[in-house]
Amino acid sequence: MSTVAARALPRTNNGAGAFVLQCRKMVFNYCEKWGSNKGMVDYIKKDLTKFAAENPQIEIVVQPRPAHHPIVRGYYCK
């Protein structure tokens, strides 16, 4: 591309061409005692730190939730 053509291209000054990750926060709820939580507990202990390190733009919250099934909640940009 020549310099003349490069100057003719529009510039994105308002962020319209920028990538914005929609997920801003993930909350992991689990119970240590219930068997249905085994997979969630294993993931939290083994893989969640790697996921958090690879995605520093996402806030990761881990909360115990006694006597309930595991759940992951995602919060997104408006």
C-alpha atoms as a PDB file:
ATOM      1  CA  MET A   1       0.000   0.000   0.000  1.00  0.00           C
ATOM      2  CA  SER A   2       1.388   3.367  -0.882  1.00  0.00           C
ATOM      3  CA  THR A   3       1.588   6.237   1.565  1.00  0.00           C
ATOM      4  CA  VAL A   4      -1.089   8.121  -0.372  1.00  0.00           C
ATOM      5  CA  ALA A   5      -3.537   5.230   0.014  1.00  0.00           C
ATOM      6  CA  ALA A   6      -2.660   4.859   3.695  1.00  0.00           C
ATOM      7  CA  ARG A   7      -3.572   8.498   4.333  1.00  0.00           C
ATOM      8  CA  ALA A   8      -6.916   8.023   2.563  1.00  0.00           C
ATOM      9  CA  LEU A   9      -8.052   5.258   4.933  1.00  0.00           C
ATOM     10  CA  PRO A  10     -10.398   6.377   7.710  1.00  0.00           C
ATOM     11  CA  ARG A  11      -9.038   6.527  11.237  1.00  0.00           C
ATOM     12  CA  THR A  12     -10.984   5.148  14.171  1.00  0.00           C
ATOM     13  CA  ASN A  13     -10.889   7.929  16.731  1.00  0.00           C
ATOM     14  CA  ASN A  14     -13.978   6.892  18.666  1.00  0.00           C
ATOM     15  CA  GLY A  15     -13.028   3.258  19.300  1.00  0.00           C
ATOM     16  CA  ALA A  16     -15.506   1.848  16.775  1.00  0.00           C
ATOM     17  CA  GLY A  17     -12.818  -0.403  15.330  1.00  0.00           C
ATOM     18  CA  ALA A  18     -11.416  -1.496  18.695  1.00  0.00           C
ATOM     19  CA  PHE A  19     -12.007  -4.903  20.290  1.00  0.00           C
ATOM     20  CA  VAL A  20     -13.733  -4.751  23.674  1.00  0.00           C
ATOM     21  CA  LEU A  21     -14.017  -8.000  25.614  1.00  0.00           C
ATOM     22  CA  GLN A  22     -17.633  -8.339  26.728  1.00  0.00           C
ATOM     23  CA  CYS A  23     -17.028 -10.509  29.812  1.00  0.00           C
ATOM     24  CA  ARG A  24     -15.779  -8.392  32.704  1.00  0.00           C
ATOM     25  CA  LYS A  25     -16.250 -10.684  35.736  1.00  0.00           C
ATOM     26  CA  MET A  26     -16.730 -14.395  36.527  1.00  0.00           C
ATOM     27  CA  VAL A  27     -17.939 -15.698  39.893  1.00  0.00           C
ATOM     28  CA  PHE A  28     -17.335 -19.365  40.768  1.00  0.00           C
ATOM     29  CA  ASN A  29     -19.568 -20.736  43.572  1.00  0.00           C
ATOM     30  CA  TYR A  30     -18.940 -24.199  45.025  1.00  0.00           C
ATOM     31  CA  CYS A  31     -19.461 -26.474  48.037  1.00  0.00           C
ATOM     32  CA  GLU A  32     -16.592 -28.582  49.413  1.00  0.00           C
ATOM     33  CA  LYS A  33     -18.830 -31.402  50.694  1.00  0.00           C
ATOM     34  CA  TRP A  34     -21.321 -32.150  47.918  1.00  0.00           C
ATOM     35  CA  GLY A  35     -20.282 -34.691  45.292  1.00  0.00           C
ATOM     36  CA  SER A  36     -21.749 -32.633  42.454  1.00  0.00           C
ATOM     37  CA  ASN A  37     -19.068 -30.010  43.155  1.00  0.00           C
ATOM     38  CA  LYS A  38     -16.089 -32.328  42.612  1.00  0.00           C
ATOM     39  CA  GLY A  39     -15.436 -31.136  39.056  1.00  0.00           C
ATOM     40  CA  MET A  40     -15.701 -27.473  40.056  1.00  0.00           C
ATOM     41  CA  VAL A  41     -13.367 -27.924  43.037  1.00  0.00           C
ATOM     42  CA  ASP A  42     -10.826 -29.761  40.852  1.00  0.00           C
ATOM     43  CA  TYR A  43     -10.987 -26.996  38.233  1.00  0.00           C
ATOM     44  CA  ILE A  44     -10.531 -24.279  40.855  1.00  0.00           C
ATOM     45  CA  LYS A  45      -7.544 -26.050  42.407  1.00  0.00           C
ATOM     46  CA  LYS A  46      -5.788 -27.028  39.167  1.00  0.00           C
ATOM     47  CA  ASP A  47      -6.757 -24.807  36.248  1.00  0.00           C
ATOM     48  CA  LEU A  48      -8.330 -21.561  37.432  1.00  0.00           C
ATOM     49  CA  THR A  49      -5.041 -19.805  38.205  1.00  0.00           C
ATOM     50  CA  LYS A  50      -3.833 -20.500  34.654  1.00  0.00           C
ATOM     51  CA  PHE A  51      -7.128 -19.206  33.210  1.00  0.00           C
ATOM     52  CA  ALA A  52      -6.904 -16.059  35.369  1.00  0.00           C
ATOM     53  CA  ALA A  53      -3.297 -15.444  34.298  1.00  0.00           C
ATOM     54  CA  GLU A  54      -4.238 -15.807  30.613  1.00  0.00           C
ATOM     55  CA  ASN A  55      -7.196 -13.412  31.026  1.00  0.00           C
ATOM     56  CA  PRO A  56      -6.103 -10.558  33.325  1.00  0.00           C
ATOM     57  CA  GLN A  57      -8.867  -8.314  31.975  1.00  0.00           C
ATOM     58  CA  ILE A  58     -11.522 -10.567  33.595  1.00  0.00           C
ATOM     59  CA  GLU A  59     -12.090 -10.294  37.345  1.00  0.00           C
ATOM     60  CA  ILE A  60     -12.200 -13.807  38.858  1.00  0.00           C
ATOM     61  CA  VAL A  61     -14.083 -14.334  42.140  1.00  0.00           C
ATOM     62  CA  VAL A  62     -14.267 -17.669  44.001  1.00  0.00           C
ATOM     63  CA  GLN A  63     -16.902 -17.962  46.725  1.00  0.00           C
ATOM     64  CA  PRO A  64     -17.933 -20.958  48.817  1.00  0.00           C
ATOM     65  CA  ARG A  65     -21.645 -21.677  48.649  1.00  0.00           C
ATOM     66  CA  PRO A  66     -22.428 -24.413  51.205  1.00  0.00           C
ATOM     67  CA  ALA A  67     -25.158 -26.978  50.454  1.00  0.00           C
ATOM     68  CA  HIS A  68     -25.673 -25.882  46.828  1.00  0.00           C
ATOM     69  CA  HIS A  69     -24.738 -27.161  43.404  1.00  0.00           C
ATOM     70  CA  PRO A  70     -21.797 -25.456  41.667  1.00  0.00           C
ATOM     71  CA  ILE A  71     -22.443 -22.454  39.470  1.00  0.00           C
ATOM     72  CA  VAL A  72     -20.408 -20.025  37.384  1.00  0.00           C
ATOM     73  CA  ARG A  73     -21.872 -16.576  36.808  1.00  0.00           C
ATOM     74  CA  GLY A  74     -20.593 -14.267  34.106  1.00  0.00           C
ATOM     75  CA  TYR A  75     -21.032 -10.500  34.216  1.00  0.00           C
ATOM     76  CA  TYR A  76     -20.826  -8.582  30.976  1.00  0.00           C
ATOM     77  CA  CYS A  77     -20.339  -5.004  29.807  1.00  0.00           C
ATOM     78  CA  LYS A  78     -23.508  -3.055  29.194  1.00  0.00           C
END
